[in-house]
Amino acid sequence: MRSRPCMSVASVVVCLGLFVLLPGAASAQTASDVGAWKLNAAKSKYDPGPAPTAATTTITAEGAATKIVVDQTMPGGAKRHWETTIQNNGKETAITGNNPDADALVRTRVDATTVRTVYKLAGKETLTQTSVVSADGKTRTVTSTGTNAKGQKVHNVAVYEKQ
């Protein structure tokens, strides 16, 4: 008699367990950017600048959504804080706080280590950001291009280290 997969009670339990566990494993692989990330200013380049003297981005998974909290200290001591909770589905989401270049964003996961974010201010695209987590998961490089709220062309490469 030939054996049929998932035909005994034990086999059904094992097969159902795999269907439940595998989607979770796939989700865990796509969340490489989750964690607290601190700016390494020495390895970063801001054009036109000024670069923050300190910056931390905290990314947390909240069910199917992702919460992003950004805290920056600018030269002279001015503080920036903004945050959003987004579905990573390509739909626009509002930003709260004081991001000078955006009041909304659209975030799309490209692959397991890459996220593309388009920032908007008053409905107009300002910056496009590509965030890539290194293979070892210790570094996140964020490249921003576009035009800031002051009308200046932007090409920033910010290097963050996982905390």
C-alpha atoms as a PDB file:
ATOM      1  CA  MET A   1       0.000   0.000   0.000  1.00  0.00           C
ATOM      2  CA  ARG A   2       1.350   3.402  -0.977  1.00  0.00           C
ATOM      3  CA  SER A   3       1.779   6.043   1.685  1.00  0.00           C
ATOM      4  CA  ARG A   4      -0.141   9.281   1.084  1.00  0.00           C
ATOM      5  CA  PRO A   5       1.149  12.512   2.626  1.00  0.00           C
ATOM      6  CA  CYS A   6      -1.045  14.032   5.352  1.00  0.00           C
ATOM      7  CA  MET A   7      -3.401  11.048   5.534  1.00  0.00           C
ATOM      8  CA  SER A   8      -2.904   9.896   9.141  1.00  0.00           C
ATOM      9  CA  VAL A   9      -3.911  12.094  12.076  1.00  0.00           C
ATOM     10  CA  ALA A  10      -0.240  12.614  12.992  1.00  0.00           C
ATOM     11  CA  SER A  11       0.595  13.513   9.386  1.00  0.00           C
ATOM     12  CA  VAL A  12      -2.282  15.990   9.212  1.00  0.00           C
ATOM     13  CA  VAL A  13      -1.060  17.706  12.403  1.00  0.00           C
ATOM     14  CA  VAL A  14       2.508  17.929  11.051  1.00  0.00           C
ATOM     15  CA  CYS A  15       1.333  19.227   7.652  1.00  0.00           C
ATOM     16  CA  LEU A  16      -0.950  21.844   9.238  1.00  0.00           C
ATOM     17  CA  GLY A  17       1.899  22.889  11.528  1.00  0.00           C
ATOM     18  CA  LEU A  18       4.119  23.486   8.508  1.00  0.00           C
ATOM     19  CA  PHE A  19       1.473  25.667   6.858  1.00  0.00           C
ATOM     20  CA  VAL A  20       1.228  27.738  10.028  1.00  0.00           C
ATOM     21  CA  LEU A  21       4.983  28.003  10.629  1.00  0.00           C
ATOM     22  CA  LEU A  22       6.239  28.670   7.117  1.00  0.00           C
ATOM     23  CA  PRO A  23       4.461  32.016   6.611  1.00  0.00           C
ATOM     24  CA  GLY A  24       5.905  33.214   9.933  1.00  0.00           C
ATOM     25  CA  ALA A  25       9.397  32.166   8.859  1.00  0.00           C
ATOM     26  CA  ALA A  26       9.001  34.052   5.597  1.00  0.00           C
ATOM     27  CA  SER A  27       7.853  37.182   7.471  1.00  0.00           C
ATOM     28  CA  ALA A  28      10.810  37.017   9.835  1.00  0.00           C
ATOM     29  CA  GLN A  29      13.155  36.972   6.849  1.00  0.00           C
ATOM     30  CA  THR A  30      11.623  40.144   5.393  1.00  0.00           C
ATOM     31  CA  ALA A  31      12.031  42.161   8.602  1.00  0.00           C
ATOM     32  CA  SER A  32      15.819  42.643   8.452  1.00  0.00           C
ATOM     33  CA  ASP A  33      15.459  46.367   9.208  1.00  0.00           C
ATOM     34  CA  VAL A  34      13.632  45.871  12.524  1.00  0.00           C
ATOM     35  CA  GLY A  35      15.657  47.226  15.442  1.00  0.00           C
ATOM     36  CA  ALA A  36      17.333  50.375  16.737  1.00  0.00           C
ATOM     37  CA  TRP A  37      19.808  51.967  14.316  1.00  0.00           C
ATOM     38  CA  LYS A  38      22.342  54.669  15.267  1.00  0.00           C
ATOM     39  CA  LEU A  39      23.886  56.991  12.665  1.00  0.00           C
ATOM     40  CA  ASN A  40      27.632  56.638  12.112  1.00  0.00           C
ATOM     41  CA  ALA A  41      28.272  60.233  11.049  1.00  0.00           C
ATOM     42  CA  ALA A  42      31.933  59.547  10.167  1.00  0.00           C
ATOM     43  CA  LYS A  43      30.899  56.982   7.519  1.00  0.00           C
ATOM     44  CA  SER A  44      27.998  59.079   6.194  1.00  0.00           C
ATOM     45  CA  LYS A  45      27.904  61.803   3.547  1.00  0.00           C
ATOM     46  CA  TYR A  46      25.274  64.527   3.375  1.00  0.00           C
ATOM     47  CA  ASP A  47      25.019  66.736   0.290  1.00  0.00           C
ATOM     48  CA  PRO A  48      24.043  69.533   0.711  1.00  0.00           C
ATOM     49  CA  GLY A  49      24.031  69.072   4.490  1.00  0.00           C
ATOM     50  CA  PRO A  50      24.128  69.829   7.256  1.00  0.00           C
ATOM     51  CA  ALA A  51      24.330  66.302   8.588  1.00  0.00           C
ATOM     52  CA  PRO A  52      22.738  65.468  11.918  1.00  0.00           C
ATOM     53  CA  THR A  53      25.246  65.320  14.752  1.00  0.00           C
ATOM     54  CA  ALA A  54      23.294  62.346  16.118  1.00  0.00           C
ATOM     55  CA  ALA A  55      20.423  60.252  14.789  1.00  0.00           C
ATOM     56  CA  THR A  56      18.573  57.112  15.784  1.00  0.00           C
ATOM     57  CA  THR A  57      15.923  55.281  13.798  1.00  0.00           C
ATOM     58  CA  THR A  58      13.845  52.666  15.596  1.00  0.00           C
ATOM     59  CA  ILE A  59      11.883  50.235  13.432  1.00  0.00           C
ATOM     60  CA  THR A  60       9.441  47.822  15.054  1.00  0.00           C
ATOM     61  CA  ALA A  61       7.036  45.263  13.650  1.00  0.00           C
ATOM     62  CA  GLU A  62       3.455  45.767  14.794  1.00  0.00           C
ATOM     63  CA  GLY A  63       1.510  42.876  13.321  1.00  0.00           C
ATOM     64  CA  ALA A  64       1.459  43.388   9.555  1.00  0.00           C
ATOM     65  CA  ALA A  65       2.553  47.015  10.004  1.00  0.00           C
ATOM     66  CA  THR A  66       5.916  48.643  10.640  1.00  0.00           C
ATOM     67  CA  LYS A  67       6.401  51.537  13.059  1.00  0.00           C
ATOM     68  CA  ILE A  68       9.246  53.930  12.302  1.00  0.00           C
ATOM     69  CA  VAL A  69      10.490  56.500  14.832  1.00  0.00           C
ATOM     70  CA  VAL A  70      13.255  58.932  13.854  1.00  0.00           C
ATOM     71  CA  ASP A  71      15.132  61.163  16.311  1.00  0.00           C
ATOM     72  CA  GLN A  72      17.835  63.549  15.101  1.00  0.00           C
ATOM     73  CA  THR A  73      19.976  66.235  16.665  1.00  0.00           C
ATOM     74  CA  MET A  74      21.074  68.881  14.187  1.00  0.00           C
ATOM     75  CA  PRO A  75      24.109  71.171  14.436  1.00  0.00           C
ATOM     76  CA  GLY A  76      23.269  73.880  16.954  1.00  0.00           C
ATOM     77  CA  GLY A  77      21.155  71.461  18.996  1.00  0.00           C
ATOM     78  CA  ALA A  78      17.816  71.602  17.143  1.00  0.00           C
ATOM     79  CA  LYS A  79      15.867  68.366  17.571  1.00  0.00           C
ATOM     80  CA  ARG A  80      13.831  66.539  14.955  1.00  0.00           C
ATOM     81  CA  HIS A  81      11.382  63.802  15.840  1.00  0.00           C
ATOM     82  CA  TRP A  82       8.936  62.152  13.484  1.00  0.00           C
ATOM     83  CA  GLU A  83       7.165  58.841  13.223  1.00  0.00           C
ATOM     84  CA  THR A  84       4.700  56.776  11.242  1.00  0.00           C
ATOM     85  CA  THR A  85       3.098  53.349  11.253  1.00  0.00           C
ATOM     86  CA  ILE A  86       2.864  51.892   7.774  1.00  0.00           C
ATOM     87  CA  GLN A  87       1.785  48.682   6.029  1.00  0.00           C
ATOM     88  CA  ASN A  88       4.703  48.517   3.474  1.00  0.00           C
ATOM     89  CA  ASN A  89       2.121  48.066   0.742  1.00  0.00           C
ATOM     90  CA  GLY A  90       2.836  51.037  -1.495  1.00  0.00           C
ATOM     91  CA  LYS A  91       0.034  53.173  -0.028  1.00  0.00           C
ATOM     92  CA  GLU A  92       0.610  56.690   1.273  1.00  0.00           C
ATOM     93  CA  THR A  93       0.761  57.137   5.064  1.00  0.00           C
ATOM     94  CA  ALA A  94       0.923  60.338   7.126  1.00  0.00           C
ATOM     95  CA  ILE A  95       3.987  61.343   9.145  1.00  0.00           C
ATOM     96  CA  THR A  96       3.599  62.987  12.560  1.00  0.00           C
ATOM     97  CA  GLY A  97       6.288  65.191  14.031  1.00  0.00           C
ATOM     98  CA  ASN A  98       8.702  67.661  12.498  1.00  0.00           C
ATOM     99  CA  ASN A  99      10.197  66.168   9.344  1.00  0.00           C
ATOM    100  CA  PRO A 100      11.024  69.313   7.323  1.00  0.00           C
ATOM    101  CA  ASP A 101      10.920  67.508   3.969  1.00  0.00           C
ATOM    102  CA  ALA A 102       7.784  65.382   4.274  1.00  0.00           C
ATOM    103  CA  ASP A 103       4.327  65.048   5.765  1.00  0.00           C
ATOM    104  CA  ALA A 104       3.622  61.655   4.171  1.00  0.00           C
ATOM    105  CA  LEU A 105       5.454  58.676   2.732  1.00  0.00           C
ATOM    106  CA  VAL A 106       5.008  55.550   0.653  1.00  0.00           C
ATOM    107  CA  ARG A 107       7.145  52.566   1.711  1.00  0.00           C
ATOM    108  CA  THR A 108       7.608  49.428  -0.361  1.00  0.00           C
ATOM    109  CA  ARG A 109       9.677  46.370   0.487  1.00  0.00           C
ATOM    110  CA  VAL A 110      11.852  45.502  -2.540  1.00  0.00           C
ATOM    111  CA  ASP A 111      13.335  42.301  -1.097  1.00  0.00           C
ATOM    112  CA  ALA A 112      14.389  40.801   2.238  1.00  0.00           C
ATOM    113  CA  THR A 113      17.050  43.472   2.848  1.00  0.00           C
ATOM    114  CA  THR A 114      15.873  46.482   0.812  1.00  0.00           C
ATOM    115  CA  VAL A 115      13.091  49.021   1.359  1.00  0.00           C
ATOM    116  CA  ARG A 116      12.253  51.961  -0.939  1.00  0.00           C
ATOM    117  CA  THR A 117      10.524  54.993   0.571  1.00  0.00           C
ATOM    118  CA  VAL A 118       9.132  57.980  -1.310  1.00  0.00           C
ATOM    119  CA  TYR A 119       8.628  61.083   0.845  1.00  0.00           C
ATOM    120  CA  LYS A 120       6.006  63.716  -0.010  1.00  0.00           C
ATOM    121  CA  LEU A 121       5.317  67.236   1.184  1.00  0.00           C
ATOM    122  CA  ALA A 122       1.904  68.759   0.427  1.00  0.00           C
ATOM    123  CA  GLY A 123       1.305  65.986  -2.119  1.00  0.00           C
ATOM    124  CA  LYS A 124       4.558  66.565  -4.019  1.00  0.00           C
ATOM    125  CA  GLU A 125       7.388  64.000  -4.028  1.00  0.00           C
ATOM    126  CA  THR A 126      10.491  65.360  -2.339  1.00  0.00           C
ATOM    127  CA  LEU A 127      12.917  62.535  -1.612  1.00  0.00           C
ATOM    128  CA  THR A 128      13.340  58.903  -2.589  1.00  0.00           C
ATOM    129  CA  GLN A 129      15.194  56.767  -0.097  1.00  0.00           C
ATOM    130  CA  THR A 130      16.622  53.285  -0.551  1.00  0.00           C
ATOM    131  CA  SER A 131      17.515  51.454   2.653  1.00  0.00           C
ATOM    132  CA  VAL A 132      19.675  48.314   2.446  1.00  0.00           C
ATOM    133  CA  VAL A 133      20.590  46.097   5.396  1.00  0.00           C
ATOM    134  CA  SER A 134      23.984  44.371   5.091  1.00  0.00           C
ATOM    135  CA  ALA A 135      24.245  40.590   4.806  1.00  0.00           C
ATOM    136  CA  ASP A 136      25.426  40.329   8.439  1.00  0.00           C
ATOM    137  CA  GLY A 137      22.501  42.510   9.626  1.00  0.00           C
ATOM    138  CA  LYS A 138      24.781  44.966  11.448  1.00  0.00           C
ATOM    139  CA  THR A 139      24.701  47.922   9.037  1.00  0.00           C
ATOM    140  CA  ARG A 140      21.885  49.766   7.273  1.00  0.00           C
ATOM    141  CA  THR A 141      22.827  52.113   4.437  1.00  0.00           C
ATOM    142  CA  VAL A 142      20.223  54.716   3.501  1.00  0.00           C
ATOM    143  CA  THR A 143      20.656  56.575   0.202  1.00  0.00           C
ATOM    144  CA  SER A 144      18.404  59.622  -0.259  1.00  0.00           C
ATOM    145  CA  THR A 145      17.997  61.538  -3.514  1.00  0.00           C
ATOM    146  CA  GLY A 146      15.634  64.248  -4.695  1.00  0.00           C
ATOM    147  CA  THR A 147      14.898  67.823  -3.696  1.00  0.00           C
ATOM    148  CA  ASN A 148      14.412  68.968  -0.116  1.00  0.00           C
ATOM    149  CA  ALA A 149      11.824  71.492   1.109  1.00  0.00           C
ATOM    150  CA  LYS A 150      14.350  74.311   0.526  1.00  0.00           C
ATOM    151  CA  GLY A 151      14.570  73.383  -3.166  1.00  0.00           C
ATOM    152  CA  GLN A 152      18.112  71.988  -2.861  1.00  0.00           C
ATOM    153  CA  LYS A 153      19.171  68.842  -4.703  1.00  0.00           C
ATOM    154  CA  VAL A 154      19.885  66.076  -2.189  1.00  0.00           C
ATOM    155  CA  HIS A 155      22.242  63.117  -2.383  1.00  0.00           C
ATOM    156  CA  ASN A 156      22.800  61.689   1.090  1.00  0.00           C
ATOM    157  CA  VAL A 157      24.343  58.355   2.044  1.00  0.00           C
ATOM    158  CA  ALA A 158      23.711  57.689   5.735  1.00  0.00           C
ATOM    159  CA  VAL A 159      25.272  54.671   7.406  1.00  0.00           C
ATOM    160  CA  TYR A 160      23.521  53.284  10.477  1.00  0.00           C
ATOM    161  CA  GLU A 161      24.754  50.606  12.882  1.00  0.00           C
ATOM    162  CA  LYS A 162      22.396  48.244  14.661  1.00  0.00           C
ATOM    163  CA  GLN A 163      22.243  48.766  18.413  1.00  0.00           C
END
